[in-house]
Amino acid sequence: MLRPRRLEGHAVFARLFLELGVDESPPPEPVWAAEIAQRALFAEAPQGVGAYAVTNLLGDFGFVRQLVVAPFARGGRDWGGG
């Protein structure tokens, strides 16, 4: 199930951010709340949040800026969404 962000979702975002494998730390919670949260979507599975996407708008178009999938959700497993 795809759902919009929740401000308290920073902990989930920060955990999944590490899956990017970059040298940067996850943005701190104030940055998350002010700049990222309103553009984030989460994919929930019975096991928990399986992915997040951060989107951007460019004029009339939207695009995904960042997509991160949790290890348990990789490989085409059924997420229980039907």
C-alpha atoms as a PDB file:
ATOM      1  CA  MET A   1       0.000   0.000   0.000  1.00  0.00           C
ATOM      2  CA  LEU A   2       1.374   3.396  -0.978  1.00  0.00           C
ATOM      3  CA  ARG A   3       0.841   6.188   1.515  1.00  0.00           C
ATOM      4  CA  PRO A   4       1.986   9.775   1.991  1.00  0.00           C
ATOM      5  CA  ARG A   5       4.652  10.589   4.520  1.00  0.00           C
ATOM      6  CA  ARG A   6       4.095  11.163   8.161  1.00  0.00           C
ATOM      7  CA  LEU A   7       6.260  13.653   9.997  1.00  0.00           C
ATOM      8  CA  GLU A   8       7.150  10.946  12.506  1.00  0.00           C
ATOM      9  CA  GLY A   9       8.448   8.891   9.565  1.00  0.00           C
ATOM     10  CA  HIS A  10      11.940  10.339   9.848  1.00  0.00           C
ATOM     11  CA  ALA A  11      13.251   7.260  11.677  1.00  0.00           C
ATOM     12  CA  VAL A  12      12.059   4.953   8.876  1.00  0.00           C
ATOM     13  CA  PHE A  13      13.407   7.347   6.235  1.00  0.00           C
ATOM     14  CA  ALA A  14      16.792   7.541   8.000  1.00  0.00           C
ATOM     15  CA  ARG A  15      17.058   3.744   8.283  1.00  0.00           C
ATOM     16  CA  LEU A  16      16.237   3.192   4.609  1.00  0.00           C
ATOM     17  CA  PHE A  17      18.460   6.108   3.517  1.00  0.00           C
ATOM     18  CA  LEU A  18      21.461   4.022   4.607  1.00  0.00           C
ATOM     19  CA  GLU A  19      20.527   1.506   1.878  1.00  0.00           C
ATOM     20  CA  LEU A  20      21.700   4.071  -0.690  1.00  0.00           C
ATOM     21  CA  GLY A  21      25.279   3.165   0.218  1.00  0.00           C
ATOM     22  CA  VAL A  22      26.470   6.771   0.055  1.00  0.00           C
ATOM     23  CA  ASP A  23      28.980   8.408   2.377  1.00  0.00           C
ATOM     24  CA  GLU A  24      26.420  10.986   3.511  1.00  0.00           C
ATOM     25  CA  SER A  25      24.410  10.668   6.682  1.00  0.00           C
ATOM     26  CA  PRO A  26      20.631  10.847   6.456  1.00  0.00           C
ATOM     27  CA  PRO A  27      19.344  14.409   6.618  1.00  0.00           C
ATOM     28  CA  PRO A  28      18.479  15.400  10.194  1.00  0.00           C
ATOM     29  CA  GLU A  29      14.865  15.532  11.315  1.00  0.00           C
ATOM     30  CA  PRO A  30      14.484  19.343  10.916  1.00  0.00           C
ATOM     31  CA  VAL A  31      15.607  19.075   7.271  1.00  0.00           C
ATOM     32  CA  TRP A  32      13.308  16.085   6.776  1.00  0.00           C
ATOM     33  CA  ALA A  33      10.338  18.030   8.157  1.00  0.00           C
ATOM     34  CA  ALA A  34      11.046  21.258   6.270  1.00  0.00           C
ATOM     35  CA  GLU A  35      12.285  20.028   2.887  1.00  0.00           C
ATOM     36  CA  ILE A  36      11.659  16.337   2.302  1.00  0.00           C
ATOM     37  CA  ALA A  37       8.623  15.000   4.173  1.00  0.00           C
ATOM     38  CA  GLN A  38       6.030  16.785   2.034  1.00  0.00           C
ATOM     39  CA  ARG A  39       7.483  15.121  -1.089  1.00  0.00           C
ATOM     40  CA  ALA A  40       7.869  11.596   0.319  1.00  0.00           C
ATOM     41  CA  LEU A  41       5.768   8.486  -0.250  1.00  0.00           C
ATOM     42  CA  PHE A  42       6.126   5.192   1.589  1.00  0.00           C
ATOM     43  CA  ALA A  43       5.229   1.673   0.462  1.00  0.00           C
ATOM     44  CA  GLU A  44       3.991  -0.436   3.357  1.00  0.00           C
ATOM     45  CA  ALA A  45       4.044  -4.203   3.478  1.00  0.00           C
ATOM     46  CA  PRO A  46       2.851  -6.552   6.206  1.00  0.00           C
ATOM     47  CA  GLN A  47       6.480  -6.662   7.399  1.00  0.00           C
ATOM     48  CA  GLY A  48       6.689  -2.860   7.672  1.00  0.00           C
ATOM     49  CA  VAL A  49       7.751  -0.058   5.356  1.00  0.00           C
ATOM     50  CA  GLY A  50       9.381  -1.664   2.343  1.00  0.00           C
ATOM     51  CA  ALA A  51      10.337   1.414   0.349  1.00  0.00           C
ATOM     52  CA  TYR A  52      10.214   5.164   0.098  1.00  0.00           C
ATOM     53  CA  ALA A  53      10.315   7.603  -2.776  1.00  0.00           C
ATOM     54  CA  VAL A  54      11.086  11.296  -2.712  1.00  0.00           C
ATOM     55  CA  THR A  55       9.423  13.150  -5.559  1.00  0.00           C
ATOM     56  CA  ASN A  56       9.947  16.524  -7.213  1.00  0.00           C
ATOM     57  CA  LEU A  57       7.825  18.682  -9.443  1.00  0.00           C
ATOM     58  CA  LEU A  58       9.135  20.231 -12.631  1.00  0.00           C
ATOM     59  CA  GLY A  59       6.434  22.457 -14.058  1.00  0.00           C
ATOM     60  CA  ASP A  60       3.440  20.229 -14.790  1.00  0.00           C
ATOM     61  CA  PHE A  61       5.472  17.029 -14.412  1.00  0.00           C
ATOM     62  CA  GLY A  62       6.475  14.993 -11.404  1.00  0.00           C
ATOM     63  CA  PHE A  63       9.435  12.690 -11.132  1.00  0.00           C
ATOM     64  CA  VAL A  64      11.059  10.421  -8.584  1.00  0.00           C
ATOM     65  CA  ARG A  65      14.252  11.904  -7.236  1.00  0.00           C
ATOM     66  CA  GLN A  66      15.127   9.049  -4.904  1.00  0.00           C
ATOM     67  CA  LEU A  67      13.758   5.525  -4.541  1.00  0.00           C
ATOM     68  CA  VAL A  68      14.982   3.192  -1.810  1.00  0.00           C
ATOM     69  CA  VAL A  69      13.785  -0.376  -1.245  1.00  0.00           C
ATOM     70  CA  ALA A  70      14.401  -2.289   1.993  1.00  0.00           C
ATOM     71  CA  PRO A  71      16.335  -5.561   1.667  1.00  0.00           C
ATOM     72  CA  PHE A  72      13.307  -7.666   2.659  1.00  0.00           C
ATOM     73  CA  ALA A  73      11.256  -6.118  -0.158  1.00  0.00           C
ATOM     74  CA  ARG A  74      13.698  -6.718  -2.997  1.00  0.00           C
ATOM     75  CA  GLY A  75      13.395  -9.509  -5.512  1.00  0.00           C
ATOM     76  CA  GLY A  76       9.735  -9.381  -6.521  1.00  0.00           C
ATOM     77  CA  ARG A  77       8.229 -10.850  -3.363  1.00  0.00           C
ATOM     78  CA  ASP A  78       4.504 -10.499  -2.806  1.00  0.00           C
ATOM     79  CA  TRP A  79       3.906  -7.543  -0.477  1.00  0.00           C
ATOM     80  CA  GLY A  80       0.427  -8.707   0.323  1.00  0.00           C
ATOM     81  CA  GLY A  81      -1.180  -5.892  -1.623  1.00  0.00           C
ATOM     82  CA  GLY A  82      -3.181  -8.163  -3.922  1.00  0.00           C
END
